[in-house]
């Protein structure tokens, strides 16, 4: 029983750490998308002004 409990706790901890990395990666992807969108908006604004 103790081995099963230890295994379950280890599995939960491992899953939690993996989820943190996944969320961090999604945040970086969203941030990169935002930067690209800002650059594109700036390019359109410059074309309109010229």
C-alpha atoms as a PDB file:
ATOM      1  CA  UNK A   1       0.000   0.000   0.000  1.00  0.00           C
ATOM      2  CA  UNK A   2       2.839   2.406   0.840  1.00  0.00           C
ATOM      3  CA  UNK A   3       4.460   1.682  -2.531  1.00  0.00           C
ATOM      4  CA  UNK A   4       1.236   2.482  -4.358  1.00  0.00           C
ATOM      5  CA  UNK A   5       0.826   5.755  -2.471  1.00  0.00           C
ATOM      6  CA  UNK A   6       4.444   6.730  -3.157  1.00  0.00           C
ATOM      7  CA  UNK A   7       4.004   5.919  -6.838  1.00  0.00           C
ATOM      8  CA  UNK A   8       0.830   7.983  -7.068  1.00  0.00           C
ATOM      9  CA  UNK A   9       2.469  10.971  -5.377  1.00  0.00           C
ATOM     10  CA  UNK A  10       5.426  10.737  -7.736  1.00  0.00           C
ATOM     11  CA  UNK A  11       3.117  10.512 -10.742  1.00  0.00           C
ATOM     12  CA  UNK A  12       1.166  13.570  -9.593  1.00  0.00           C
ATOM     13  CA  UNK A  13       4.351  15.563  -8.997  1.00  0.00           C
ATOM     14  CA  UNK A  14       5.745  14.622 -12.410  1.00  0.00           C
ATOM     15  CA  UNK A  15       2.505  15.568 -14.124  1.00  0.00           C
ATOM     16  CA  UNK A  16       2.453  18.887 -12.298  1.00  0.00           C
ATOM     17  CA  UNK A  17       5.972  19.753 -13.398  1.00  0.00           C
ATOM     18  CA  UNK A  18       5.186  18.829 -16.988  1.00  0.00           C
ATOM     19  CA  UNK A  19       2.083  21.011 -16.939  1.00  0.00           C
ATOM     20  CA  UNK A  20       4.136  23.980 -15.742  1.00  0.00           C
ATOM     21  CA  UNK A  21       6.487  23.623 -18.704  1.00  0.00           C
ATOM     22  CA  UNK A  22       3.556  23.327 -21.088  1.00  0.00           C
ATOM     23  CA  UNK A  23       1.888  26.448 -19.725  1.00  0.00           C
ATOM     24  CA  UNK A  24       5.185  28.335 -19.943  1.00  0.00           C
ATOM     25  CA  UNK A  25       5.535  27.271 -23.572  1.00  0.00           C
ATOM     26  CA  UNK A  26       2.016  28.399 -24.411  1.00  0.00           C
ATOM     27  CA  UNK A  27       2.717  31.742 -22.765  1.00  0.00           C
ATOM     28  CA  UNK A  28       5.848  32.182 -24.868  1.00  0.00           C
ATOM     29  CA  UNK A  29       3.932  31.292 -28.040  1.00  0.00           C
ATOM     30  CA  UNK A  30       1.174  33.789 -27.259  1.00  0.00           C
ATOM     31  CA  UNK A  31       3.760  36.450 -26.484  1.00  0.00           C
ATOM     32  CA  UNK A  32       5.564  35.837 -29.778  1.00  0.00           C
ATOM     33  CA  UNK A  33       2.245  36.056 -31.615  1.00  0.00           C
ATOM     34  CA  UNK A  34       1.533  39.380 -29.937  1.00  0.00           C
ATOM     35  CA  UNK A  35       4.915  40.751 -30.994  1.00  0.00           C
ATOM     36  CA  UNK A  36       4.305  39.670 -34.594  1.00  0.00           C
ATOM     37  CA  UNK A  37       0.855  41.251 -34.575  1.00  0.00           C
ATOM     38  CA  UNK A  38       2.305  44.510 -33.233  1.00  0.00           C
ATOM     39  CA  UNK A  39       4.945  44.544 -35.988  1.00  0.00           C
ATOM     40  CA  UNK A  40       2.317  43.908 -38.658  1.00  0.00           C
ATOM     41  CA  UNK A  41       0.077  46.661 -37.302  1.00  0.00           C
ATOM     42  CA  UNK A  42       3.022  49.064 -37.356  1.00  0.00           C
ATOM     43  CA  UNK A  43       3.782  48.163 -40.979  1.00  0.00           C
ATOM     44  CA  UNK A  44       0.152  48.772 -41.994  1.00  0.00           C
ATOM     45  CA  UNK A  45       0.121  52.089 -40.135  1.00  0.00           C
ATOM     46  CA  UNK A  46       3.296  53.216 -41.923  1.00  0.00           C
ATOM     47  CA  UNK A  47       1.779  52.295 -45.314  1.00  0.00           C
ATOM     48  CA  UNK A  48      -1.376  54.248 -44.527  1.00  0.00           C
ATOM     49  CA  UNK A  49       0.595  57.324 -43.475  1.00  0.00           C
ATOM     50  CA  UNK A  50       2.751  57.335 -46.625  1.00  0.00           C
END
